[in-house]
Amino acid sequence: MIRLTKFTGEEFFLNPDTVKSIEDVGDTVLTLVTGERLLIQESPEKFRKMFIAYKKELYMSALVSPDVPNMMAVQAGHGESNGH
């Protein structure tokens, strides 16, 4: 989740995967997949950077988490089940 600021100054946390679109109409408007629209203080560029940082943190924590079983990437078409 990322911390954002509503136009009123109230801080809140948002799952950025719920954002459908971002509009810069002088102010930043987020449209969520539910159709709800939020007016935030952060610029579209700042939101983009926050989204990227959130995804990096999420993926990196999955890679180094001791709770996640060791996994190996297998190139498509080169797994043991298809005889290669």
N, C-alpha and C. Protein backbone atom coordinates (compact mmCIF):
# COMPACT_ATOMS: atom_id res chain seq x y z
N MET A 1 0.85 -1.17 0.00
CA MET A 1 0.00 0.00 0.00
C MET A 1 0.90 1.23 0.00
N ILE A 2 0.39 2.28 -0.61
CA ILE A 2 1.15 3.53 -0.62
C ILE A 2 0.35 4.61 0.11
N ARG A 3 1.09 5.52 0.73
CA ARG A 3 0.47 6.62 1.47
C ARG A 3 0.28 7.80 0.53
N LEU A 4 -0.96 8.26 0.44
CA LEU A 4 -1.29 9.41 -0.39
C LEU A 4 -1.98 10.46 0.46
N THR A 5 -2.14 11.65 -0.13
CA THR A 5 -2.80 12.74 0.57
C THR A 5 -3.99 13.22 -0.25
N LYS A 6 -5.17 13.15 0.36
CA LYS A 6 -6.36 13.68 -0.31
C LYS A 6 -6.19 15.18 -0.47
N PHE A 7 -6.94 15.75 -1.38
CA PHE A 7 -6.86 17.18 -1.62
C PHE A 7 -7.19 17.97 -0.36
N THR A 8 -7.96 17.37 0.55
CA THR A 8 -8.34 18.02 1.82
C THR A 8 -7.21 18.00 2.84
N GLY A 9 -6.12 17.26 2.54
CA GLY A 9 -5.00 17.16 3.46
C GLY A 9 -4.99 15.88 4.27
N GLU A 10 -6.05 15.10 4.19
CA GLU A 10 -6.15 13.84 4.92
C GLU A 10 -5.29 12.77 4.25
N GLU A 11 -4.43 12.12 5.04
CA GLU A 11 -3.60 11.04 4.51
C GLU A 11 -4.37 9.73 4.55
N PHE A 12 -4.10 8.88 3.56
CA PHE A 12 -4.73 7.56 3.51
C PHE A 12 -3.81 6.60 2.78
N PHE A 13 -4.08 5.32 2.92
CA PHE A 13 -3.31 4.29 2.24
C PHE A 13 -4.16 3.69 1.13
N LEU A 14 -3.52 3.43 0.00
CA LEU A 14 -4.23 2.90 -1.17
C LEU A 14 -3.44 1.75 -1.77
N ASN A 15 -4.13 0.70 -2.12
CA ASN A 15 -3.52 -0.38 -2.89
C ASN A 15 -3.43 0.14 -4.33
N PRO A 16 -2.23 0.41 -4.85
CA PRO A 16 -2.11 1.01 -6.17
C PRO A 16 -2.59 0.11 -7.30
N ASP A 17 -2.75 -1.19 -7.02
CA ASP A 17 -3.27 -2.09 -8.05
C ASP A 17 -4.75 -1.83 -8.33
N THR A 18 -5.40 -1.02 -7.50
CA THR A 18 -6.81 -0.71 -7.71
C THR A 18 -7.00 0.53 -8.59
N VAL A 19 -5.90 1.15 -9.04
CA VAL A 19 -5.99 2.36 -9.86
C VAL A 19 -6.14 1.98 -11.32
N LYS A 20 -7.19 2.49 -11.93
CA LYS A 20 -7.45 2.25 -13.35
C LYS A 20 -6.79 3.31 -14.22
N SER A 21 -6.87 4.58 -13.78
CA SER A 21 -6.26 5.66 -14.57
C SER A 21 -5.91 6.84 -13.68
N ILE A 22 -5.01 7.68 -14.21
CA ILE A 22 -4.59 8.90 -13.53
C ILE A 22 -4.77 10.05 -14.51
N GLU A 23 -5.41 11.11 -14.06
CA GLU A 23 -5.60 12.29 -14.90
C GLU A 23 -4.93 13.49 -14.25
N ASP A 24 -4.30 14.31 -15.09
CA ASP A 24 -3.73 15.57 -14.62
C ASP A 24 -4.58 16.68 -15.22
N VAL A 25 -5.51 17.18 -14.43
CA VAL A 25 -6.42 18.23 -14.88
C VAL A 25 -6.18 19.51 -14.06
N GLY A 26 -4.90 19.78 -13.81
CA GLY A 26 -4.55 20.85 -12.89
C GLY A 26 -4.34 20.27 -11.50
N ASP A 27 -5.20 19.35 -11.14
CA ASP A 27 -5.07 18.52 -9.94
C ASP A 27 -4.96 17.08 -10.43
N THR A 28 -4.57 16.18 -9.53
CA THR A 28 -4.43 14.78 -9.91
C THR A 28 -5.67 14.02 -9.49
N VAL A 29 -6.29 13.35 -10.46
CA VAL A 29 -7.49 12.56 -10.21
C VAL A 29 -7.18 11.10 -10.50
N LEU A 30 -7.38 10.25 -9.49
CA LEU A 30 -7.24 8.81 -9.67
C LEU A 30 -8.63 8.23 -9.89
N THR A 31 -8.76 7.38 -10.88
CA THR A 31 -9.99 6.62 -11.06
C THR A 31 -9.67 5.18 -10.71
N LEU A 32 -10.42 4.63 -9.77
CA LEU A 32 -10.20 3.26 -9.32
C LEU A 32 -10.99 2.29 -10.18
N VAL A 33 -10.65 1.02 -10.11
CA VAL A 33 -11.34 0.01 -10.90
C VAL A 33 -12.82 -0.08 -10.52
N THR A 34 -13.19 0.40 -9.34
CA THR A 34 -14.59 0.41 -8.90
C THR A 34 -15.37 1.56 -9.51
N GLY A 35 -14.66 2.51 -10.15
CA GLY A 35 -15.31 3.69 -10.70
C GLY A 35 -15.18 4.90 -9.79
N GLU A 36 -14.79 4.68 -8.53
CA GLU A 36 -14.60 5.78 -7.59
C GLU A 36 -13.46 6.67 -8.07
N ARG A 37 -13.63 7.99 -7.89
CA ARG A 37 -12.59 8.94 -8.29
C ARG A 37 -12.07 9.64 -7.04
N LEU A 38 -10.75 9.78 -6.96
CA LEU A 38 -10.10 10.42 -5.82
C LEU A 38 -9.26 11.59 -6.29
N LEU A 39 -9.37 12.70 -5.62
CA LEU A 39 -8.56 13.88 -5.90
C LEU A 39 -7.42 13.88 -4.89
N ILE A 40 -6.17 13.82 -5.38
CA ILE A 40 -5.02 13.74 -4.47
C ILE A 40 -4.07 14.90 -4.72
N GLN A 41 -3.22 15.16 -3.71
CA GLN A 41 -2.25 16.25 -3.81
C GLN A 41 -1.01 15.87 -4.61
N GLU A 42 -0.67 14.58 -4.63
CA GLU A 42 0.54 14.14 -5.33
C GLU A 42 0.35 14.28 -6.84
N SER A 43 1.44 14.64 -7.52
CA SER A 43 1.39 14.76 -8.98
C SER A 43 1.34 13.37 -9.61
N PRO A 44 0.89 13.29 -10.87
CA PRO A 44 0.91 11.98 -11.54
C PRO A 44 2.31 11.37 -11.56
N GLU A 45 3.33 12.19 -11.77
CA GLU A 45 4.71 11.69 -11.81
C GLU A 45 5.13 11.15 -10.44
N LYS A 46 4.77 11.86 -9.38
CA LYS A 46 5.11 11.37 -8.03
C LYS A 46 4.37 10.06 -7.74
N PHE A 47 3.09 9.98 -8.14
CA PHE A 47 2.34 8.73 -7.95
C PHE A 47 3.01 7.60 -8.72
N ARG A 48 3.44 7.86 -9.94
CA ARG A 48 4.11 6.84 -10.76
C ARG A 48 5.36 6.33 -10.05
N LYS A 49 6.16 7.24 -9.51
CA LYS A 49 7.38 6.85 -8.80
C LYS A 49 7.05 6.05 -7.53
N MET A 50 6.01 6.44 -6.83
CA MET A 50 5.59 5.72 -5.62
C MET A 50 5.11 4.31 -5.99
N PHE A 51 4.39 4.21 -7.10
CA PHE A 51 3.90 2.91 -7.57
C PHE A 51 5.06 1.99 -7.91
N ILE A 52 6.06 2.51 -8.62
CA ILE A 52 7.23 1.72 -8.99
C ILE A 52 7.98 1.27 -7.73
N ALA A 53 8.17 2.18 -6.78
CA ALA A 53 8.87 1.83 -5.53
C ALA A 53 8.10 0.75 -4.77
N TYR A 54 6.77 0.85 -4.75
CA TYR A 54 5.93 -0.14 -4.08
C TYR A 54 6.11 -1.51 -4.72
N LYS A 55 6.07 -1.56 -6.06
CA LYS A 55 6.22 -2.84 -6.77
C LYS A 55 7.61 -3.43 -6.55
N LYS A 56 8.64 -2.60 -6.59
CA LYS A 56 10.00 -3.09 -6.35
C LYS A 56 10.11 -3.70 -4.96
N GLU A 57 9.58 -3.00 -3.97
CA GLU A 57 9.63 -3.50 -2.59
C GLU A 57 8.86 -4.82 -2.47
N LEU A 58 7.71 -4.89 -3.10
CA LEU A 58 6.90 -6.10 -3.06
C LEU A 58 7.63 -7.29 -3.67
N TYR A 59 8.19 -7.10 -4.86
CA TYR A 59 8.89 -8.18 -5.55
C TYR A 59 10.17 -8.58 -4.82
N MET A 60 10.92 -7.59 -4.33
CA MET A 60 12.16 -7.90 -3.64
C MET A 60 11.89 -8.65 -2.34
N SER A 61 10.84 -8.27 -1.62
CA SER A 61 10.55 -8.97 -0.37
C SER A 61 10.13 -10.42 -0.65
N ALA A 62 9.49 -10.67 -1.77
CA ALA A 62 9.13 -12.04 -2.13
C ALA A 62 10.37 -12.86 -2.47
N LEU A 63 11.37 -12.21 -3.07
CA LEU A 63 12.59 -12.92 -3.45
C LEU A 63 13.46 -13.29 -2.25
N VAL A 64 13.44 -12.47 -1.22
CA VAL A 64 14.34 -12.71 -0.08
C VAL A 64 13.63 -13.23 1.16
N SER A 65 12.34 -13.41 1.09
CA SER A 65 11.58 -13.85 2.26
C SER A 65 11.90 -15.30 2.60
N PRO A 66 12.27 -15.58 3.86
CA PRO A 66 12.54 -16.96 4.25
C PRO A 66 11.27 -17.81 4.28
N ASP A 67 10.11 -17.16 4.27
CA ASP A 67 8.84 -17.89 4.31
C ASP A 67 8.41 -18.39 2.93
N VAL A 68 9.06 -17.88 1.89
CA VAL A 68 8.71 -18.28 0.53
C VAL A 68 9.60 -19.44 0.14
N PRO A 69 9.01 -20.57 -0.29
CA PRO A 69 9.84 -21.71 -0.69
C PRO A 69 10.77 -21.34 -1.84
N ASN A 70 11.94 -21.99 -1.89
CA ASN A 70 12.86 -21.74 -2.99
C ASN A 70 12.17 -22.09 -4.29
N MET A 71 12.25 -21.16 -5.24
CA MET A 71 11.61 -21.38 -6.53
C MET A 71 12.65 -21.18 -7.62
N MET A 72 12.46 -21.86 -8.73
CA MET A 72 13.39 -21.75 -9.84
C MET A 72 12.59 -21.36 -11.08
N ALA A 73 13.07 -20.37 -11.79
CA ALA A 73 12.43 -19.98 -13.04
C ALA A 73 12.79 -20.99 -14.12
N VAL A 74 11.81 -21.41 -14.88
CA VAL A 74 12.04 -22.35 -15.97
C VAL A 74 11.56 -21.69 -17.25
N GLN A 75 12.42 -21.64 -18.23
CA GLN A 75 12.06 -21.04 -19.50
C GLN A 75 10.97 -21.87 -20.16
N ALA A 76 9.99 -21.21 -20.74
CA ALA A 76 8.88 -21.91 -21.39
C ALA A 76 9.42 -22.89 -22.43
N GLY A 77 8.88 -24.08 -22.40
CA GLY A 77 9.30 -25.10 -23.37
C GLY A 77 10.52 -25.89 -22.94
N HIS A 78 11.08 -25.59 -21.76
CA HIS A 78 12.28 -26.28 -21.31
C HIS A 78 12.10 -26.98 -19.97
N GLY A 79 10.86 -27.21 -19.58
CA GLY A 79 10.60 -27.89 -18.32
C GLY A 79 10.71 -29.39 -18.48
N GLU A 80 10.83 -30.09 -17.37
CA GLU A 80 10.98 -31.55 -17.40
C GLU A 80 9.72 -32.24 -17.90
N SER A 81 8.56 -31.64 -17.69
CA SER A 81 7.31 -32.33 -18.02
C SER A 81 7.08 -32.47 -19.52
N ASN A 82 7.78 -31.67 -20.34
CA ASN A 82 7.54 -31.77 -21.77
C ASN A 82 8.64 -32.55 -22.49
N GLY A 83 9.51 -33.20 -21.74
CA GLY A 83 10.52 -34.06 -22.34
C GLY A 83 11.78 -33.38 -22.79
N HIS A 84 11.96 -32.11 -22.51
CA HIS A 84 13.19 -31.41 -22.92
C HIS A 84 14.21 -31.40 -21.83
